[in-house]
Amino acid sequence: MSKDLQLLNRCDHLVAREPLLIDEDMRTVVLMRSTSASNLIQLFLNNNEIFQNNTEFGWSLVQDENSVDRDKKNIQFNNPLKSSTDIIEVSYYTNALNCRKCHSYKIYDDIAFSAQGNIVLVDKENKLVQDIEKIVITIIESNTHHPWYGTRLLLFLGSANDPHFFRVRIASDINDSLENLINMQEQQFRVQRIYMDDEEQIDSIENIDVWEDENDPTRINVSVTVRNKASQLIDINKVIQS
């Protein structure tokens, strides 16, 4: 069976080793975002982890008086630091609204690792879903080596086109991209058939629907249904934002 990196992952909202500066009082470190798990905060000083009960550099969490967010906390050292050039880094969990990785979507596209440190992979129908999502959200001609790969979907976000024209044109673009994906799968199957499962190959395109978000013209709702060669119906629903 063929496999691919799993790109669509549930976000943990972890801010990893965020570089920060000591305040003028030489005690306060202002976090950029609110924390969702105060007991999981890690503080690093000059690349060394500093625990709260450290005899020399002990610290605690204090309310950020300048923020309207009740969950917004800052770190405050028990004693003033002696140098303003110390390298301070903090790891902490924030909430979806303040997360820079997923931007409140709660999912993100990036390489994921298991608890054992292995790269997470997808295969069979999960790979098919990911293959379809990737080709649909890729801007056509953005890949100079494969200019046919992708759609014009993102180029139409926020445009002033007639809604009916918009739906027909984007749906047609998506259909063309899926036909290209089918052609690519057929070429791969001719030389790598022993590695390809029926579950990861498109047999037919059953339905494509596209509509704009009623409240946000920068968002597009896409619904795609295909049947794979294992006779399974695969439904994909995705909200795409510019």
C-alpha atoms as a PDB file:
ATOM      1  CA  MET A   1       0.000   0.000   0.000  1.00  0.00           C
ATOM      2  CA  SER A   2       1.169   3.551  -0.647  1.00  0.00           C
ATOM      3  CA  LYS A   3       1.344   6.053   2.199  1.00  0.00           C
ATOM      4  CA  ASP A   4       1.649   9.787   2.683  1.00  0.00           C
ATOM      5  CA  LEU A   5       2.440  12.134   5.533  1.00  0.00           C
ATOM      6  CA  GLN A   6      -0.666  12.984   7.538  1.00  0.00           C
ATOM      7  CA  LEU A   7      -1.061  16.726   7.138  1.00  0.00           C
ATOM      8  CA  LEU A   8      -4.476  17.458   8.622  1.00  0.00           C
ATOM      9  CA  ASN A   9      -4.173  17.223  12.412  1.00  0.00           C
ATOM     10  CA  ARG A  10      -6.048  18.274  15.512  1.00  0.00           C
ATOM     11  CA  CYS A  11      -4.234  21.213  17.056  1.00  0.00           C
ATOM     12  CA  ASP A  12      -2.881  20.965  20.600  1.00  0.00           C
ATOM     13  CA  HIS A  13      -2.559  24.791  20.858  1.00  0.00           C
ATOM     14  CA  LEU A  14       0.958  24.411  22.214  1.00  0.00           C
ATOM     15  CA  VAL A  15       3.204  27.465  22.121  1.00  0.00           C
ATOM     16  CA  ALA A  16       6.682  25.915  22.080  1.00  0.00           C
ATOM     17  CA  ARG A  17       9.606  27.843  23.558  1.00  0.00           C
ATOM     18  CA  GLU A  18       8.325  31.304  22.759  1.00  0.00           C
ATOM     19  CA  PRO A  19      11.205  33.833  23.066  1.00  0.00           C
ATOM     20  CA  LEU A  20      10.319  36.635  25.474  1.00  0.00           C
ATOM     21  CA  LEU A  21      11.958  39.605  27.183  1.00  0.00           C
ATOM     22  CA  ILE A  22      12.232  40.550  30.821  1.00  0.00           C
ATOM     23  CA  ASP A  23      10.234  43.659  31.752  1.00  0.00           C
ATOM     24  CA  GLU A  24      11.758  46.867  33.113  1.00  0.00           C
ATOM     25  CA  ASP A  25      11.272  45.656  36.679  1.00  0.00           C
ATOM     26  CA  MET A  26      13.652  42.766  35.854  1.00  0.00           C
ATOM     27  CA  ARG A  27      11.106  40.330  37.338  1.00  0.00           C
ATOM     28  CA  THR A  28       8.138  40.133  34.979  1.00  0.00           C
ATOM     29  CA  VAL A  29       7.928  38.134  31.751  1.00  0.00           C
ATOM     30  CA  VAL A  30       4.823  39.107  29.752  1.00  0.00           C
ATOM     31  CA  LEU A  31       3.320  36.141  27.895  1.00  0.00           C
ATOM     32  CA  MET A  32       1.906  36.954  24.477  1.00  0.00           C
ATOM     33  CA  ARG A  33      -1.197  34.788  24.914  1.00  0.00           C
ATOM     34  CA  SER A  34      -3.475  33.463  27.612  1.00  0.00           C
ATOM     35  CA  THR A  35      -2.678  30.087  29.150  1.00  0.00           C
ATOM     36  CA  SER A  36      -5.118  27.188  29.320  1.00  0.00           C
ATOM     37  CA  ALA A  37      -3.084  24.914  31.614  1.00  0.00           C
ATOM     38  CA  SER A  38      -1.091  26.823  34.202  1.00  0.00           C
ATOM     39  CA  ASN A  39       0.451  23.649  35.621  1.00  0.00           C
ATOM     40  CA  LEU A  40       2.061  22.769  32.266  1.00  0.00           C
ATOM     41  CA  ILE A  41       4.090  25.946  31.771  1.00  0.00           C
ATOM     42  CA  GLN A  42       7.815  25.475  31.196  1.00  0.00           C
ATOM     43  CA  LEU A  43      10.325  28.296  31.633  1.00  0.00           C
ATOM     44  CA  PHE A  44      13.794  28.205  30.086  1.00  0.00           C
ATOM     45  CA  LEU A  45      16.576  30.619  31.034  1.00  0.00           C
ATOM     46  CA  ASN A  46      19.657  30.560  28.806  1.00  0.00           C
ATOM     47  CA  ASN A  47      18.535  27.148  27.491  1.00  0.00           C
ATOM     48  CA  ASN A  48      18.146  25.643  30.989  1.00  0.00           C
ATOM     49  CA  GLU A  49      14.703  24.712  32.313  1.00  0.00           C
ATOM     50  CA  ILE A  50      13.888  26.650  35.481  1.00  0.00           C
ATOM     51  CA  PHE A  51      11.326  25.138  37.849  1.00  0.00           C
ATOM     52  CA  GLN A  52       9.091  27.281  40.027  1.00  0.00           C
ATOM     53  CA  ASN A  53      10.810  26.205  43.255  1.00  0.00           C
ATOM     54  CA  ASN A  54      14.307  26.969  41.976  1.00  0.00           C
ATOM     55  CA  THR A  55      16.287  28.482  44.857  1.00  0.00           C
ATOM     56  CA  GLU A  56      17.880  31.219  42.720  1.00  0.00           C
ATOM     57  CA  PHE A  57      15.431  31.804  39.870  1.00  0.00           C
ATOM     58  CA  GLY A  58      12.114  30.677  41.360  1.00  0.00           C
ATOM     59  CA  TRP A  59       8.989  32.119  39.758  1.00  0.00           C
ATOM     60  CA  SER A  60       5.204  32.222  39.960  1.00  0.00           C
ATOM     61  CA  LEU A  61       2.230  33.161  37.806  1.00  0.00           C
ATOM     62  CA  VAL A  62       0.534  36.513  38.341  1.00  0.00           C
ATOM     63  CA  GLN A  63      -2.547  38.066  36.785  1.00  0.00           C
ATOM     64  CA  ASP A  64      -1.867  40.352  33.822  1.00  0.00           C
ATOM     65  CA  GLU A  65      -3.370  43.598  35.046  1.00  0.00           C
ATOM     66  CA  ASN A  66      -3.179  45.162  31.573  1.00  0.00           C
ATOM     67  CA  SER A  67      -5.310  42.491  29.898  1.00  0.00           C
ATOM     68  CA  VAL A  68      -9.103  42.166  29.846  1.00  0.00           C
ATOM     69  CA  ASP A  69      -8.670  38.400  29.526  1.00  0.00           C
ATOM     70  CA  ARG A  70      -9.048  36.803  32.947  1.00  0.00           C
ATOM     71  CA  ASP A  71      -6.978  33.820  31.831  1.00  0.00           C
ATOM     72  CA  LYS A  72      -4.052  36.015  30.836  1.00  0.00           C
ATOM     73  CA  LYS A  73      -1.156  35.423  33.208  1.00  0.00           C
ATOM     74  CA  ASN A  74       2.442  36.581  33.329  1.00  0.00           C
ATOM     75  CA  ILE A  75       5.504  35.000  34.835  1.00  0.00           C
ATOM     76  CA  GLN A  76       7.154  36.804  37.704  1.00  0.00           C
ATOM     77  CA  PHE A  77      10.529  35.838  39.149  1.00  0.00           C
ATOM     78  CA  ASN A  78      10.814  35.803  42.938  1.00  0.00           C
ATOM     79  CA  ASN A  79      13.975  37.870  42.667  1.00  0.00           C
ATOM     80  CA  PRO A  80      15.062  40.372  39.992  1.00  0.00           C
ATOM     81  CA  LEU A  81      17.304  39.036  37.234  1.00  0.00           C
ATOM     82  CA  LYS A  82      20.756  40.572  37.073  1.00  0.00           C
ATOM     83  CA  SER A  83      20.973  40.748  33.276  1.00  0.00           C
ATOM     84  CA  SER A  84      18.523  42.046  30.682  1.00  0.00           C
ATOM     85  CA  THR A  85      20.251  39.985  27.979  1.00  0.00           C
ATOM     86  CA  ASP A  86      19.321  36.589  29.422  1.00  0.00           C
ATOM     87  CA  ILE A  87      17.555  34.412  26.852  1.00  0.00           C
ATOM     88  CA  ILE A  88      14.066  33.628  28.155  1.00  0.00           C
ATOM     89  CA  GLU A  89      11.790  31.059  26.480  1.00  0.00           C
ATOM     90  CA  VAL A  90       8.413  29.797  27.657  1.00  0.00           C
ATOM     91  CA  SER A  91       6.356  26.799  26.526  1.00  0.00           C
ATOM     92  CA  TYR A  92       2.657  26.783  27.380  1.00  0.00           C
ATOM     93  CA  TYR A  93      -0.769  25.805  26.102  1.00  0.00           C
ATOM     94  CA  THR A  94      -3.181  28.471  24.938  1.00  0.00           C
ATOM     95  CA  ASN A  95      -6.787  28.260  23.674  1.00  0.00           C
ATOM     96  CA  ALA A  96      -8.031  27.932  20.094  1.00  0.00           C
ATOM     97  CA  LEU A  97      -8.945  31.618  19.844  1.00  0.00           C
ATOM     98  CA  ASN A  98      -5.357  32.691  20.558  1.00  0.00           C
ATOM     99  CA  CYS A  99      -3.541  29.857  18.801  1.00  0.00           C
ATOM    100  CA  ARG A 100      -1.138  30.871  16.022  1.00  0.00           C
ATOM    101  CA  LYS A 101      -0.958  27.340  14.591  1.00  0.00           C
ATOM    102  CA  CYS A 102      -4.621  26.747  13.825  1.00  0.00           C
ATOM    103  CA  HIS A 103      -6.026  30.321  13.960  1.00  0.00           C
ATOM    104  CA  SER A 104      -9.121  29.127  15.890  1.00  0.00           C
ATOM    105  CA  TYR A 105      -9.898  26.300  13.395  1.00  0.00           C
ATOM    106  CA  LYS A 106      -8.707  23.665  15.914  1.00  0.00           C
ATOM    107  CA  ILE A 107      -6.962  21.783  13.086  1.00  0.00           C
ATOM    108  CA  TYR A 108      -3.819  22.582  11.120  1.00  0.00           C
ATOM    109  CA  ASP A 109      -1.827  21.346   8.136  1.00  0.00           C
ATOM    110  CA  ASP A 110       1.644  20.274   9.186  1.00  0.00           C
ATOM    111  CA  ILE A 111       3.702  17.171   9.860  1.00  0.00           C
ATOM    112  CA  ALA A 112       2.505  15.340  12.983  1.00  0.00           C
ATOM    113  CA  PHE A 113       4.425  13.045  15.302  1.00  0.00           C
ATOM    114  CA  SER A 114       3.148  10.213  17.475  1.00  0.00           C
ATOM    115  CA  ALA A 115       3.813   9.955  21.207  1.00  0.00           C
ATOM    116  CA  GLN A 116       6.786   7.732  20.319  1.00  0.00           C
ATOM    117  CA  GLY A 117       8.234  10.411  18.033  1.00  0.00           C
ATOM    118  CA  ASN A 118       7.341   8.665  14.762  1.00  0.00           C
ATOM    119  CA  ILE A 119       5.946  10.585  11.785  1.00  0.00           C
ATOM    120  CA  VAL A 120       2.191   9.969  11.430  1.00  0.00           C
ATOM    121  CA  LEU A 121       1.198   8.545   8.026  1.00  0.00           C
ATOM    122  CA  VAL A 122      -2.096   7.976   6.204  1.00  0.00           C
ATOM    123  CA  ASP A 123      -3.111   5.206   3.824  1.00  0.00           C
ATOM    124  CA  LYS A 124      -6.154   3.736   2.054  1.00  0.00           C
ATOM    125  CA  GLU A 125      -9.315   5.900   2.203  1.00  0.00           C
ATOM    126  CA  ASN A 126      -7.674   8.404   4.561  1.00  0.00           C
ATOM    127  CA  LYS A 127      -4.950   8.965   1.987  1.00  0.00           C
ATOM    128  CA  LEU A 128      -7.585   9.422  -0.710  1.00  0.00           C
ATOM    129  CA  VAL A 129      -9.348  12.090   1.362  1.00  0.00           C
ATOM    130  CA  GLN A 130      -6.054  13.904   1.883  1.00  0.00           C
ATOM    131  CA  ASP A 131      -5.113  13.630  -1.816  1.00  0.00           C
ATOM    132  CA  ILE A 132      -8.427  15.244  -2.766  1.00  0.00           C
ATOM    133  CA  GLU A 133      -8.123  18.018  -0.183  1.00  0.00           C
ATOM    134  CA  LYS A 134      -4.571  18.842  -1.263  1.00  0.00           C
ATOM    135  CA  ILE A 135      -5.361  19.165  -4.965  1.00  0.00           C
ATOM    136  CA  VAL A 136      -8.496  21.227  -4.306  1.00  0.00           C
ATOM    137  CA  ILE A 137      -6.836  23.836  -2.064  1.00  0.00           C
ATOM    138  CA  THR A 138      -3.641  24.136  -4.135  1.00  0.00           C
ATOM    139  CA  ILE A 139      -3.603  27.157  -6.463  1.00  0.00           C
ATOM    140  CA  ILE A 140      -3.272  25.896 -10.013  1.00  0.00           C
ATOM    141  CA  GLU A 141       0.080  26.656 -11.702  1.00  0.00           C
ATOM    142  CA  SER A 142       1.672  27.384  -8.302  1.00  0.00           C
ATOM    143  CA  ASN A 143       3.758  24.237  -8.757  1.00  0.00           C
ATOM    144  CA  THR A 144       6.073  25.001 -11.669  1.00  0.00           C
ATOM    145  CA  HIS A 145       6.892  21.316 -12.172  1.00  0.00           C
ATOM    146  CA  HIS A 146       3.209  20.293 -12.294  1.00  0.00           C
ATOM    147  CA  PRO A 147       1.258  23.405 -13.420  1.00  0.00           C
ATOM    148  CA  TRP A 148      -1.902  21.319 -13.957  1.00  0.00           C
ATOM    149  CA  TYR A 149      -2.119  20.465 -10.240  1.00  0.00           C
ATOM    150  CA  GLY A 150      -4.711  22.482  -8.292  1.00  0.00           C
ATOM    151  CA  THR A 151      -7.757  24.719  -8.754  1.00  0.00           C
ATOM    152  CA  ARG A 152      -8.635  28.421  -8.919  1.00  0.00           C
ATOM    153  CA  LEU A 153     -10.774  28.134  -5.801  1.00  0.00           C
ATOM    154  CA  LEU A 154      -8.649  30.389  -3.586  1.00  0.00           C
ATOM    155  CA  LEU A 155      -8.424  32.994  -6.343  1.00  0.00           C
ATOM    156  CA  PHE A 156     -12.196  33.434  -6.243  1.00  0.00           C
ATOM    157  CA  LEU A 157     -12.467  34.066  -2.505  1.00  0.00           C
ATOM    158  CA  GLY A 158     -14.069  37.454  -1.841  1.00  0.00           C
ATOM    159  CA  SER A 159     -14.628  38.121  -5.547  1.00  0.00           C
ATOM    160  CA  ALA A 160     -17.623  40.076  -6.816  1.00  0.00           C
ATOM    161  CA  ASN A 161     -18.722  37.487  -9.351  1.00  0.00           C
ATOM    162  CA  ASP A 162     -22.351  36.479  -9.728  1.00  0.00           C
ATOM    163  CA  PRO A 163     -23.048  33.744  -7.099  1.00  0.00           C
ATOM    164  CA  HIS A 164     -24.366  31.307  -9.703  1.00  0.00           C
ATOM    165  CA  PHE A 165     -21.313  31.838 -11.926  1.00  0.00           C
ATOM    166  CA  PHE A 166     -19.122  31.451  -8.867  1.00  0.00           C
ATOM    167  CA  ARG A 167     -20.598  28.063  -7.937  1.00  0.00           C
ATOM    168  CA  VAL A 168     -20.538  26.697 -11.488  1.00  0.00           C
ATOM    169  CA  ARG A 169     -16.972  27.867 -12.219  1.00  0.00           C
ATOM    170  CA  ILE A 170     -15.464  26.578  -8.974  1.00  0.00           C
ATOM    171  CA  ALA A 171     -17.345  23.274  -9.168  1.00  0.00           C
ATOM    172  CA  SER A 172     -16.043  22.859 -12.713  1.00  0.00           C
ATOM    173  CA  ASP A 173     -12.504  23.628 -11.559  1.00  0.00           C
ATOM    174  CA  ILE A 174     -12.753  21.045  -8.789  1.00  0.00           C
ATOM    175  CA  ASN A 175     -14.136  18.467 -11.207  1.00  0.00           C
ATOM    176  CA  ASP A 176     -11.205  19.101 -13.576  1.00  0.00           C
ATOM    177  CA  SER A 177      -8.726  18.730 -10.712  1.00  0.00           C
ATOM    178  CA  LEU A 178     -10.263  15.414  -9.656  1.00  0.00           C
ATOM    179  CA  GLU A 179     -10.114  14.173 -13.247  1.00  0.00           C
ATOM    180  CA  ASN A 180      -6.412  15.079 -13.201  1.00  0.00           C
ATOM    181  CA  LEU A 181      -6.018  13.198  -9.917  1.00  0.00           C
ATOM    182  CA  ILE A 182      -7.724  10.133 -11.425  1.00  0.00           C
ATOM    183  CA  ASN A 183      -5.378  10.304 -14.411  1.00  0.00           C
ATOM    184  CA  MET A 184      -2.381  10.549 -12.089  1.00  0.00           C
ATOM    185  CA  GLN A 185      -3.594   7.550 -10.062  1.00  0.00           C
ATOM    186  CA  GLU A 186      -4.039   5.514 -13.256  1.00  0.00           C
ATOM    187  CA  GLN A 187      -0.485   6.318 -14.357  1.00  0.00           C
ATOM    188  CA  GLN A 188       0.859   5.376 -10.932  1.00  0.00           C
ATOM    189  CA  PHE A 189      -1.145   2.144 -10.927  1.00  0.00           C
ATOM    190  CA  ARG A 190       0.428   1.049 -14.203  1.00  0.00           C
ATOM    191  CA  VAL A 191       3.892   1.007 -12.642  1.00  0.00           C
ATOM    192  CA  GLN A 192       3.165   0.560  -8.909  1.00  0.00           C
ATOM    193  CA  ARG A 193      -0.016  -1.502  -8.767  1.00  0.00           C
ATOM    194  CA  ILE A 194       1.319  -3.753  -5.989  1.00  0.00           C
ATOM    195  CA  TYR A 195       1.609  -0.707  -3.730  1.00  0.00           C
ATOM    196  CA  MET A 196      -1.829   0.800  -4.343  1.00  0.00           C
ATOM    197  CA  ASP A 197      -5.025  -0.189  -2.546  1.00  0.00           C
ATOM    198  CA  ASP A 198      -8.494   0.069  -4.064  1.00  0.00           C
ATOM    199  CA  GLU A 199      -9.479   2.293  -1.123  1.00  0.00           C
ATOM    200  CA  GLU A 200      -7.075   5.065  -2.176  1.00  0.00           C
ATOM    201  CA  GLN A 201      -8.136   5.242  -5.839  1.00  0.00           C
ATOM    202  CA  ILE A 202     -11.073   7.202  -7.236  1.00  0.00           C
ATOM    203  CA  ASP A 203     -13.506   5.176  -9.332  1.00  0.00           C
ATOM    204  CA  SER A 204     -16.078   7.909  -9.968  1.00  0.00           C
ATOM    205  CA  ILE A 205     -16.960  11.483  -8.990  1.00  0.00           C
ATOM    206  CA  GLU A 206     -20.452  11.424  -7.485  1.00  0.00           C
ATOM    207  CA  ASN A 207     -21.137  15.022  -6.422  1.00  0.00           C
ATOM    208  CA  ILE A 208     -19.486  18.446  -6.084  1.00  0.00           C
ATOM    209  CA  ASP A 209     -21.082  21.435  -4.380  1.00  0.00           C
ATOM    210  CA  VAL A 210     -19.654  24.851  -3.555  1.00  0.00           C
ATOM    211  CA  TRP A 211     -21.258  27.769  -1.743  1.00  0.00           C
ATOM    212  CA  GLU A 212     -20.127  30.954  -0.046  1.00  0.00           C
ATOM    213  CA  ASP A 213     -20.444  31.453   3.679  1.00  0.00           C
ATOM    214  CA  GLU A 214     -23.487  33.630   4.387  1.00  0.00           C
ATOM    215  CA  ASN A 215     -21.634  35.808   6.895  1.00  0.00           C
ATOM    216  CA  ASP A 216     -18.048  35.754   5.615  1.00  0.00           C
ATOM    217  CA  PRO A 217     -17.287  36.154   1.884  1.00  0.00           C
ATOM    218  CA  THR A 218     -13.686  35.080   2.506  1.00  0.00           C
ATOM    219  CA  ARG A 219     -14.895  31.580   3.370  1.00  0.00           C
ATOM    220  CA  ILE A 220     -16.020  28.914   0.925  1.00  0.00           C
ATOM    221  CA  ASN A 221     -17.819  25.683   1.794  1.00  0.00           C
ATOM    222  CA  VAL A 222     -16.860  22.746  -0.400  1.00  0.00           C
ATOM    223  CA  SER A 223     -18.583  19.365  -0.462  1.00  0.00           C
ATOM    224  CA  VAL A 224     -17.176  16.524  -2.562  1.00  0.00           C
ATOM    225  CA  THR A 225     -18.400  12.935  -2.808  1.00  0.00           C
ATOM    226  CA  VAL A 226     -16.447  10.277  -4.693  1.00  0.00           C
ATOM    227  CA  ARG A 227     -16.636   6.497  -4.940  1.00  0.00           C
ATOM    228  CA  ASN A 228     -13.371   4.619  -4.615  1.00  0.00           C
ATOM    229  CA  LYS A 229     -12.465   1.381  -6.348  1.00  0.00           C
ATOM    230  CA  ALA A 230     -13.500  -0.519  -3.212  1.00  0.00           C
ATOM    231  CA  SER A 231     -17.067   0.796  -3.854  1.00  0.00           C
ATOM    232  CA  GLN A 232     -16.936   3.035  -0.764  1.00  0.00           C
ATOM    233  CA  LEU A 233     -18.569   6.461  -0.871  1.00  0.00           C
ATOM    234  CA  ILE A 234     -16.157   9.092   0.449  1.00  0.00           C
ATOM    235  CA  ASP A 235     -17.704  12.388   1.621  1.00  0.00           C
ATOM    236  CA  ILE A 236     -15.437  15.396   2.132  1.00  0.00           C
ATOM    237  CA  ASN A 237     -16.702  18.666   3.585  1.00  0.00           C
ATOM    238  CA  LYS A 238     -14.275  21.506   4.064  1.00  0.00           C
ATOM    239  CA  VAL A 239     -14.401  25.208   4.898  1.00  0.00           C
ATOM    240  CA  ILE A 240     -11.683  27.158   3.104  1.00  0.00           C
ATOM    241  CA  GLN A 241     -10.645  30.696   3.985  1.00  0.00           C
ATOM    242  CA  SER A 242      -8.373  33.119   2.164  1.00  0.00           C
END
